[in-house]
Amino acid sequence: MKDEIKLLRDKADEITAFYEQKVDSYLALGEELYNMNREHVEESIALAGTANRYRHKLAWYLLDSPLIKELDIDIEKEAADFKAQFVDFFK
């Protein structure tokens, strides 16, 4: 199980970086292009945050963090939800 979670954590890190880089690209283009693509920017910000939250939960599991129990995190459910939400990255 830990090997799979480690792979998923790494994938979550990759996805977070992908969306953060996308946001940075929009910001670098300037205000006018940013405003023209506002919906894409906001979606990318949200997806980066979501992937990052999964990354933290998966990392907590790998580190045997007490947060897993304190927050009642079902790591198998989190892993399945993560794969479902970001299915395109697993093709």
PDB file of N, CA and C in Angstrom:
ATOM      1  N   MET A   1       0.825  -1.201   0.000  1.00  0.00           N
ATOM      2  CA  MET A   1       0.000   0.000   0.000  1.00  0.00           C
ATOM      3  C   MET A   1       0.870   1.267   0.000  1.00  0.00           C
ATOM      4  N   LYS A   2       1.929   1.251   0.802  1.00  0.00           N
ATOM      5  CA  LYS A   2       2.775   2.455   0.899  1.00  0.00           C
ATOM      6  C   LYS A   2       3.434   2.791  -0.437  1.00  0.00           C
ATOM      7  N   ASP A   3       3.800   1.771  -1.206  1.00  0.00           N
ATOM      8  CA  ASP A   3       4.420   2.040  -2.511  1.00  0.00           C
ATOM      9  C   ASP A   3       3.445   2.754  -3.440  1.00  0.00           C
ATOM     10  N   GLU A   4       2.188   2.298  -3.441  1.00  0.00           N
ATOM     11  CA  GLU A   4       1.172   2.945  -4.276  1.00  0.00           C
ATOM     12  C   GLU A   4       0.935   4.380  -3.817  1.00  0.00           C
ATOM     13  N   ILE A   5       0.856   4.583  -2.514  1.00  0.00           N
ATOM     14  CA  ILE A   5       0.623   5.925  -1.973  1.00  0.00           C
ATOM     15  C   ILE A   5       1.801   6.840  -2.306  1.00  0.00           C
ATOM     16  N   LYS A   6       3.008   6.302  -2.277  1.00  0.00           N
ATOM     17  CA  LYS A   6       4.181   7.109  -2.634  1.00  0.00           C
ATOM     18  C   LYS A   6       4.094   7.557  -4.091  1.00  0.00           C
ATOM     19  N   LEU A   7       3.694   6.655  -4.979  1.00  0.00           N
ATOM     20  CA  LEU A   7       3.527   7.010  -6.392  1.00  0.00           C
ATOM     21  C   LEU A   7       2.445   8.070  -6.563  1.00  0.00           C
ATOM     22  N   LEU A   8       1.356   7.925  -5.816  1.00  0.00           N
ATOM     23  CA  LEU A   8       0.271   8.904  -5.898  1.00  0.00           C
ATOM     24  C   LEU A   8       0.707  10.257  -5.343  1.00  0.00           C
ATOM     25  N   ARG A   9       1.479  10.243  -4.266  1.00  0.00           N
ATOM     26  CA  ARG A   9       1.986  11.497  -3.713  1.00  0.00           C
ATOM     27  C   ARG A   9       2.862  12.220  -4.729  1.00  0.00           C
ATOM     28  N   ASP A  10       3.715  11.451  -5.396  1.00  0.00           N
ATOM     29  CA  ASP A  10       4.578  12.038  -6.423  1.00  0.00           C
ATOM     30  C   ASP A  10       3.755  12.577  -7.588  1.00  0.00           C
ATOM     31  N   LYS A  11       2.699  11.866  -7.959  1.00  0.00           N
ATOM     32  CA  LYS A  11       1.822  12.324  -9.039  1.00  0.00           C
ATOM     33  C   LYS A  11       1.091  13.593  -8.605  1.00  0.00           C
ATOM     34  N   ALA A  12       0.664  13.657  -7.352  1.00  0.00           N
ATOM     35  CA  ALA A  12       0.000  14.863  -6.842  1.00  0.00           C
ATOM     36  C   ALA A  12       0.955  16.049  -6.877  1.00  0.00           C
ATOM     37  N   ASP A  13       2.210  15.808  -6.570  1.00  0.00           N
ATOM     38  CA  ASP A  13       3.221  16.864  -6.640  1.00  0.00           C
ATOM     39  C   ASP A  13       3.388  17.342  -8.083  1.00  0.00           C
ATOM     40  N   GLU A  14       3.418  16.404  -9.006  1.00  0.00           N
ATOM     41  CA  GLU A  14       3.541  16.728 -10.431  1.00  0.00           C
ATOM     42  C   GLU A  14       2.336  17.547 -10.918  1.00  0.00           C
ATOM     43  N   ILE A  15       1.147  17.148 -10.505  1.00  0.00           N
ATOM     44  CA  ILE A  15      -0.077  17.842 -10.923  1.00  0.00           C
ATOM     45  C   ILE A  15      -0.117  19.250 -10.332  1.00  0.00           C
ATOM     46  N   THR A  16       0.252  19.369  -9.067  1.00  0.00           N
ATOM     47  CA  THR A  16       0.302  20.688  -8.425  1.00  0.00           C
ATOM     48  C   THR A  16       1.246  21.609  -9.191  1.00  0.00           C
ATOM     49  N   ALA A  17       2.429  21.111  -9.502  1.00  0.00           N
ATOM     50  CA  ALA A  17       3.416  21.914 -10.238  1.00  0.00           C
ATOM     51  C   ALA A  17       2.896  22.290 -11.625  1.00  0.00           C
ATOM     52  N   PHE A  18       2.212  21.367 -12.284  1.00  0.00           N
ATOM     53  CA  PHE A  18       1.660  21.628 -13.615  1.00  0.00           C
ATOM     54  C   PHE A  18       0.700  22.811 -13.583  1.00  0.00           C
ATOM     55  N   TYR A  19      -0.245  22.776 -12.639  1.00  0.00           N
ATOM     56  CA  TYR A  19      -1.238  23.850 -12.581  1.00  0.00           C
ATOM     57  C   TYR A  19      -0.641  25.158 -12.070  1.00  0.00           C
ATOM     58  N   GLU A  20       0.300  25.087 -11.149  1.00  0.00           N
ATOM     59  CA  GLU A  20       0.953  26.312 -10.682  1.00  0.00           C
ATOM     60  C   GLU A  20       1.744  26.965 -11.813  1.00  0.00           C
ATOM     61  N   GLN A  21       2.404  26.154 -12.633  1.00  0.00           N
ATOM     62  CA  GLN A  21       3.154  26.691 -13.771  1.00  0.00           C
ATOM     63  C   GLN A  21       2.199  27.320 -14.788  1.00  0.00           C
ATOM     64  N   LYS A  22       1.043  26.705 -14.958  1.00  0.00           N
ATOM     65  CA  LYS A  22       0.038  27.251 -15.877  1.00  0.00           C
ATOM     66  C   LYS A  22      -0.415  28.632 -15.397  1.00  0.00           C
ATOM     67  N   VAL A  23      -0.668  28.758 -14.100  1.00  0.00           N
ATOM     68  CA  VAL A  23      -1.065  30.047 -13.526  1.00  0.00           C
ATOM     69  C   VAL A  23       0.058  31.068 -13.715  1.00  0.00           C
ATOM     70  N   ASP A  24       1.281  30.668 -13.424  1.00  0.00           N
ATOM     71  CA  ASP A  24       2.423  31.574 -13.595  1.00  0.00           C
ATOM     72  C   ASP A  24       2.544  32.052 -15.036  1.00  0.00           C
ATOM     73  N   SER A  25       2.261  31.171 -15.981  1.00  0.00           N
ATOM     74  CA  SER A  25       2.325  31.551 -17.400  1.00  0.00           C
ATOM     75  C   SER A  25       1.300  32.625 -17.722  1.00  0.00           C
ATOM     76  N   TYR A  26       0.087  32.448 -17.210  1.00  0.00           N
ATOM     77  CA  TYR A  26      -0.948  33.458 -17.436  1.00  0.00           C
ATOM     78  C   TYR A  26      -0.549  34.791 -16.811  1.00  0.00           C
ATOM     79  N   LEU A  27      -0.004  34.738 -15.614  1.00  0.00           N
ATOM     80  CA  LEU A  27       0.395  35.970 -14.929  1.00  0.00           C
ATOM     81  C   LEU A  27       1.527  36.677 -15.666  1.00  0.00           C
ATOM     82  N   ALA A  28       2.424  35.905 -16.243  1.00  0.00           N
ATOM     83  CA  ALA A  28       3.557  36.491 -16.962  1.00  0.00           C
ATOM     84  C   ALA A  28       3.129  37.179 -18.257  1.00  0.00           C
ATOM     85  N   LEU A  29       1.971  36.801 -18.784  1.00  0.00           N
ATOM     86  CA  LEU A  29       1.497  37.382 -20.042  1.00  0.00           C
ATOM     87  C   LEU A  29       0.960  38.797 -19.883  1.00  0.00           C
ATOM     88  N   GLY A  30       0.720  39.200 -18.657  1.00  0.00           N
ATOM     89  CA  GLY A  30       0.236  40.554 -18.416  1.00  0.00           C
ATOM     90  C   GLY A  30      -1.246  40.589 -18.081  1.00  0.00           C
ATOM     91  N   GLU A  31      -1.660  41.734 -17.596  1.00  0.00           N
ATOM     92  CA  GLU A  31      -3.016  41.905 -17.078  1.00  0.00           C
ATOM     93  C   GLU A  31      -4.093  41.667 -18.135  1.00  0.00           C
ATOM     94  N   GLU A  32      -3.882  42.170 -19.324  1.00  0.00           N
ATOM     95  CA  GLU A  32      -4.912  42.044 -20.363  1.00  0.00           C
ATOM     96  C   GLU A  32      -5.179  40.573 -20.711  1.00  0.00           C
ATOM     97  N   LEU A  33      -4.127  39.820 -20.958  1.00  0.00           N
ATOM     98  CA  LEU A  33      -4.303  38.402 -21.285  1.00  0.00           C
ATOM     99  C   LEU A  33      -4.781  37.605 -20.075  1.00  0.00           C
ATOM    100  N   TYR A  34      -4.322  37.998 -18.897  1.00  0.00           N
ATOM    101  CA  TYR A  34      -4.805  37.360 -17.672  1.00  0.00           C
ATOM    102  C   TYR A  34      -6.317  37.525 -17.571  1.00  0.00           C
ATOM    103  N   ASN A  35      -6.793  38.752 -17.762  1.00  0.00           N
ATOM    104  CA  ASN A  35      -8.226  39.021 -17.659  1.00  0.00           C
ATOM    105  C   ASN A  35      -9.020  38.290 -18.733  1.00  0.00           C
ATOM    106  N   MET A  36      -8.454  38.155 -19.926  1.00  0.00           N
ATOM    107  CA  MET A  36      -9.136  37.429 -20.993  1.00  0.00           C
ATOM    108  C   MET A  36      -9.268  35.940 -20.665  1.00  0.00           C
ATOM    109  N   ASN A  37      -8.371  35.438 -19.858  1.00  0.00           N
ATOM    110  CA  ASN A  37      -8.341  34.009 -19.516  1.00  0.00           C
ATOM    111  C   ASN A  37      -8.656  33.761 -18.042  1.00  0.00           C
ATOM    112  N   ARG A  38      -9.353  34.690 -17.423  1.00  0.00           N
ATOM    113  CA  ARG A  38      -9.608  34.625 -15.981  1.00  0.00           C
ATOM    114  C   ARG A  38     -10.200  33.283 -15.541  1.00  0.00           C
ATOM    115  N   GLU A  39     -11.160  32.758 -16.302  1.00  0.00           N
ATOM    116  CA  GLU A  39     -11.787  31.486 -15.919  1.00  0.00           C
ATOM    117  C   GLU A  39     -10.764  30.358 -15.887  1.00  0.00           C
ATOM    118  N   HIS A  40      -9.876  30.321 -16.878  1.00  0.00           N
ATOM    119  CA  HIS A  40      -8.849  29.281 -16.921  1.00  0.00           C
ATOM    120  C   HIS A  40      -7.868  29.435 -15.764  1.00  0.00           C
ATOM    121  N   VAL A  41      -7.541  30.676 -15.450  1.00  0.00           N
ATOM    122  CA  VAL A  41      -6.615  30.936 -14.347  1.00  0.00           C
ATOM    123  C   VAL A  41      -7.235  30.484 -13.028  1.00  0.00           C
ATOM    124  N   GLU A  42      -8.475  30.866 -12.793  1.00  0.00           N
ATOM    125  CA  GLU A  42      -9.144  30.499 -11.542  1.00  0.00           C
ATOM    126  C   GLU A  42      -9.299  28.986 -11.424  1.00  0.00           C
ATOM    127  N   GLU A  43      -9.622  28.330 -12.531  1.00  0.00           N
ATOM    128  CA  GLU A  43      -9.737  26.868 -12.518  1.00  0.00           C
ATOM    129  C   GLU A  43      -8.383  26.228 -12.206  1.00  0.00           C
ATOM    130  N   SER A  44      -7.328  26.744 -12.796  1.00  0.00           N
ATOM    131  CA  SER A  44      -5.989  26.206 -12.548  1.00  0.00           C
ATOM    132  C   SER A  44      -5.559  26.414 -11.101  1.00  0.00           C
ATOM    133  N   ILE A  45      -5.895  27.565 -10.539  1.00  0.00           N
ATOM    134  CA  ILE A  45      -5.585  27.823  -9.128  1.00  0.00           C
ATOM    135  C   ILE A  45      -6.311  26.816  -8.240  1.00  0.00           C
ATOM    136  N   ALA A  46      -7.582  26.584  -8.525  1.00  0.00           N
ATOM    137  CA  ALA A  46      -8.375  25.641  -7.732  1.00  0.00           C
ATOM    138  C   ALA A  46      -7.823  24.223  -7.856  1.00  0.00           C
ATOM    139  N   LEU A  47      -7.480  23.808  -9.058  1.00  0.00           N
ATOM    140  CA  LEU A  47      -6.961  22.453  -9.265  1.00  0.00           C
ATOM    141  C   LEU A  47      -5.588  22.270  -8.624  1.00  0.00           C
ATOM    142  N   ALA A  48      -4.757  23.300  -8.659  1.00  0.00           N
ATOM    143  CA  ALA A  48      -3.457  23.228  -7.982  1.00  0.00           C
ATOM    144  C   ALA A  48      -3.657  23.051  -6.480  1.00  0.00           C
ATOM    145  N   GLY A  49      -4.598  23.792  -5.922  1.00  0.00           N
ATOM    146  CA  GLY A  49      -4.883  23.677  -4.491  1.00  0.00           C
ATOM    147  C   GLY A  49      -5.428  22.312  -4.118  1.00  0.00           C
ATOM    148  N   THR A  50      -6.306  21.780  -4.953  1.00  0.00           N
ATOM    149  CA  THR A  50      -6.881  20.459  -4.695  1.00  0.00           C
ATOM    150  C   THR A  50      -5.798  19.385  -4.746  1.00  0.00           C
ATOM    151  N   ALA A  51      -4.979  19.407  -5.774  1.00  0.00           N
ATOM    152  CA  ALA A  51      -3.897  18.422  -5.891  1.00  0.00           C
ATOM    153  C   ALA A  51      -2.930  18.542  -4.718  1.00  0.00           C
ATOM    154  N   ASN A  52      -2.666  19.760  -4.289  1.00  0.00           N
ATOM    155  CA  ASN A  52      -1.757  19.980  -3.168  1.00  0.00           C
ATOM    156  C   ASN A  52      -2.334  19.430  -1.863  1.00  0.00           C
ATOM    157  N   ARG A  53      -3.640  19.565  -1.668  1.00  0.00           N
ATOM    158  CA  ARG A  53      -4.264  18.992  -0.462  1.00  0.00           C
ATOM    159  C   ARG A  53      -4.151  17.467  -0.468  1.00  0.00           C
ATOM    160  N   TYR A  54      -4.373  16.847  -1.630  1.00  0.00           N
ATOM    161  CA  TYR A  54      -4.182  15.395  -1.723  1.00  0.00           C
ATOM    162  C   TYR A  54      -2.726  15.036  -1.436  1.00  0.00           C
ATOM    163  N   ARG A  55      -1.796  15.820  -1.968  1.00  0.00           N
ATOM    164  CA  ARG A  55      -0.374  15.556  -1.750  1.00  0.00           C
ATOM    165  C   ARG A  55      -0.038  15.563  -0.264  1.00  0.00           C
ATOM    166  N   HIS A  56      -0.594  16.530   0.453  1.00  0.00           N
ATOM    167  CA  HIS A  56      -0.349  16.596   1.900  1.00  0.00           C
ATOM    168  C   HIS A  56      -0.906  15.371   2.615  1.00  0.00           C
ATOM    169  N   LYS A  57      -2.122  14.996   2.295  1.00  0.00           N
ATOM    170  CA  LYS A  57      -2.733  13.836   2.958  1.00  0.00           C
ATOM    171  C   LYS A  57      -1.946  12.564   2.673  1.00  0.00           C
ATOM    172  N   LEU A  58      -1.534  12.388   1.430  1.00  0.00           N
ATOM    173  CA  LEU A  58      -0.753  11.204   1.071  1.00  0.00           C
ATOM    174  C   LEU A  58       0.602  11.217   1.775  1.00  0.00           C
ATOM    175  N   ALA A  59       1.222  12.381   1.870  1.00  0.00           N
ATOM    176  CA  ALA A  59       2.507  12.495   2.575  1.00  0.00           C
ATOM    177  C   ALA A  59       2.338  12.213   4.064  1.00  0.00           C
ATOM    178  N   TRP A  60       1.255  12.698   4.649  1.00  0.00           N
ATOM    179  CA  TRP A  60       1.007  12.428   6.072  1.00  0.00           C
ATOM    180  C   TRP A  60       0.927  10.931   6.317  1.00  0.00           C
ATOM    181  N   TYR A  61       0.253  10.228   5.418  1.00  0.00           N
ATOM    182  CA  TYR A  61       0.141   8.775   5.557  1.00  0.00           C
ATOM    183  C   TYR A  61       1.527   8.133   5.513  1.00  0.00           C
ATOM    184  N   LEU A  62       2.339   8.549   4.559  1.00  0.00           N
ATOM    185  CA  LEU A  62       3.677   7.971   4.416  1.00  0.00           C
ATOM    186  C   LEU A  62       4.565   8.259   5.619  1.00  0.00           C
ATOM    187  N   LEU A  63       4.327   9.384   6.273  1.00  0.00           N
ATOM    188  CA  LEU A  63       5.114   9.767   7.450  1.00  0.00           C
ATOM    189  C   LEU A  63       4.511   9.251   8.756  1.00  0.00           C
ATOM    190  N   ASP A  64       3.428   8.470   8.644  1.00  0.00           N
ATOM    191  CA  ASP A  64       2.703   7.988   9.827  1.00  0.00           C
ATOM    192  C   ASP A  64       2.316   9.140  10.747  1.00  0.00           C
ATOM    193  N   SER A  65       1.873  10.214  10.146  1.00  0.00           N
ATOM    194  CA  SER A  65       1.480  11.402  10.902  1.00  0.00           C
ATOM    195  C   SER A  65       0.227  11.127  11.731  1.00  0.00           C
ATOM    196  N   PRO A  66       0.177  11.661  12.951  1.00  0.00           N
ATOM    197  CA  PRO A  66      -1.030  11.518  13.764  1.00  0.00           C
ATOM    198  C   PRO A  66      -2.231  12.243  13.154  1.00  0.00           C
ATOM    199  N   LEU A  67      -1.990  13.129  12.199  1.00  0.00           N
ATOM    200  CA  LEU A  67      -3.092  13.855  11.555  1.00  0.00           C
ATOM    201  C   LEU A  67      -4.042  12.915  10.819  1.00  0.00           C
ATOM    202  N   ILE A  68      -3.526  11.800  10.335  1.00  0.00           N
ATOM    203  CA  ILE A  68      -4.379  10.831   9.634  1.00  0.00           C
ATOM    204  C   ILE A  68      -5.493  10.362  10.566  1.00  0.00           C
ATOM    205  N   LYS A  69      -5.143  10.031  11.793  1.00  0.00           N
ATOM    206  CA  LYS A  69      -6.159   9.582  12.758  1.00  0.00           C
ATOM    207  C   LYS A  69      -6.960  10.752  13.301  1.00  0.00           C
ATOM    208  N   GLU A  70      -6.285  11.848  13.617  1.00  0.00           N
ATOM    209  CA  GLU A  70      -6.964  13.012  14.189  1.00  0.00           C
ATOM    210  C   GLU A  70      -8.034  13.561  13.256  1.00  0.00           C
ATOM    211  N   LEU A  71      -7.744  13.565  11.958  1.00  0.00           N
ATOM    212  CA  LEU A  71      -8.690  14.099  10.975  1.00  0.00           C
ATOM    213  C   LEU A  71      -9.558  13.010  10.356  1.00  0.00           C
ATOM    214  N   ASP A  72      -9.399  11.774  10.857  1.00  0.00           N
ATOM    215  CA  ASP A  72     -10.192  10.633  10.389  1.00  0.00           C
ATOM    216  C   ASP A  72     -10.118  10.497   8.862  1.00  0.00           C
ATOM    217  N   ILE A  73      -8.893  10.477   8.354  1.00  0.00           N
ATOM    218  CA  ILE A  73      -8.670  10.379   6.910  1.00  0.00           C
ATOM    219  C   ILE A  73      -8.604   8.910   6.508  1.00  0.00           C
ATOM    220  N   ASP A  74      -9.481   8.526   5.601  1.00  0.00           N
ATOM    221  CA  ASP A  74      -9.473   7.185   5.018  1.00  0.00           C
ATOM    222  C   ASP A  74      -8.577   7.254   3.783  1.00  0.00           C
ATOM    223  N   ILE A  75      -7.345   6.794   3.920  1.00  0.00           N
ATOM    224  CA  ILE A  75      -6.358   6.987   2.858  1.00  0.00           C
ATOM    225  C   ILE A  75      -6.734   6.237   1.587  1.00  0.00           C
ATOM    226  N   GLU A  76      -7.400   5.099   1.703  1.00  0.00           N
ATOM    227  CA  GLU A  76      -7.825   4.373   0.503  1.00  0.00           C
ATOM    228  C   GLU A  76      -8.871   5.171  -0.261  1.00  0.00           C
ATOM    229  N   LYS A  77      -9.788   5.795   0.461  1.00  0.00           N
ATOM    230  CA  LYS A  77     -10.804   6.636  -0.178  1.00  0.00           C
ATOM    231  C   LYS A  77     -10.151   7.869  -0.795  1.00  0.00           C
ATOM    232  N   GLU A  78      -9.221   8.480  -0.078  1.00  0.00           N
ATOM    233  CA  GLU A  78      -8.520   9.651  -0.602  1.00  0.00           C
ATOM    234  C   GLU A  78      -7.768   9.296  -1.886  1.00  0.00           C
ATOM    235  N   ALA A  79      -7.116   8.145  -1.888  1.00  0.00           N
ATOM    236  CA  ALA A  79      -6.371   7.712  -3.077  1.00  0.00           C
ATOM    237  C   ALA A  79      -7.318   7.503  -4.256  1.00  0.00           C
ATOM    238  N   ALA A  80      -8.444   6.853  -4.006  1.00  0.00           N
ATOM    239  CA  ALA A  80      -9.423   6.615  -5.072  1.00  0.00           C
ATOM    240  C   ALA A  80     -10.014   7.927  -5.577  1.00  0.00           C
ATOM    241  N   ASP A  81     -10.342   8.826  -4.663  1.00  0.00           N
ATOM    242  CA  ASP A  81     -10.894  10.131  -5.057  1.00  0.00           C
ATOM    243  C   ASP A  81      -9.879  10.934  -5.874  1.00  0.00           C
ATOM    244  N   PHE A  82      -8.630  10.888  -5.453  1.00  0.00           N
ATOM    245  CA  PHE A  82      -7.570  11.599  -6.172  1.00  0.00           C
ATOM    246  C   PHE A  82      -7.449  11.071  -7.602  1.00  0.00           C
ATOM    247  N   LYS A  83      -7.397   9.747  -7.735  1.00  0.00           N
ATOM    248  CA  LYS A  83      -7.270   9.156  -9.071  1.00  0.00           C
ATOM    249  C   LYS A  83      -8.477   9.488  -9.939  1.00  0.00           C
ATOM    250  N   ALA A  84      -9.660   9.516  -9.339  1.00  0.00           N
ATOM    251  CA  ALA A  84     -10.874   9.836 -10.098  1.00  0.00           C
ATOM    252  C   ALA A  84     -10.881  11.301 -10.533  1.00  0.00           C
ATOM    253  N   GLN A  85     -10.491  12.187  -9.642  1.00  0.00           N
ATOM    254  CA  GLN A  85     -10.521  13.615  -9.962  1.00  0.00           C
ATOM    255  C   GLN A  85      -9.504  13.984 -11.040  1.00  0.00           C
ATOM    256  N   PHE A  86      -8.358  13.340 -11.021  1.00  0.00           N
ATOM    257  CA  PHE A  86      -7.289  13.686 -11.959  1.00  0.00           C
ATOM    258  C   PHE A  86      -7.008  12.531 -12.926  1.00  0.00           C
ATOM    259  N   VAL A  87      -8.065  11.868 -13.348  1.00  0.00           N
ATOM    260  CA  VAL A  87      -7.962  10.674 -14.194  1.00  0.00           C
ATOM    261  C   VAL A  87      -7.149  10.921 -15.460  1.00  0.00           C
ATOM    262  N   ASP A  88      -7.239  12.100 -16.037  1.00  0.00           N
ATOM    263  CA  ASP A  88      -6.512  12.391 -17.280  1.00  0.00           C
ATOM    264  C   ASP A  88      -4.995  12.322 -17.101  1.00  0.00           C
ATOM    265  N   PHE A  89      -4.516  12.525 -15.897  1.00  0.00           N
ATOM    266  CA  PHE A  89      -3.077  12.471 -15.642  1.00  0.00           C
ATOM    267  C   PHE A  89      -2.574  11.034 -15.500  1.00  0.00           C
ATOM    268  N   PHE A  90      -3.500  10.078 -15.448  1.00  0.00           N
ATOM    269  CA  PHE A  90      -3.122   8.678 -15.279  1.00  0.00           C
ATOM    270  C   PHE A  90      -3.238   7.886 -16.577  1.00  0.00           C
ATOM    271  N   LYS A  91      -3.518   8.568 -17.672  1.00  0.00           N
ATOM    272  CA  LYS A  91      -3.664   7.880 -18.968  1.00  0.00           C
ATOM    273  C   LYS A  91      -2.319   7.704 -19.616  1.00  0.00           C
TER     274      LYS A  91
END
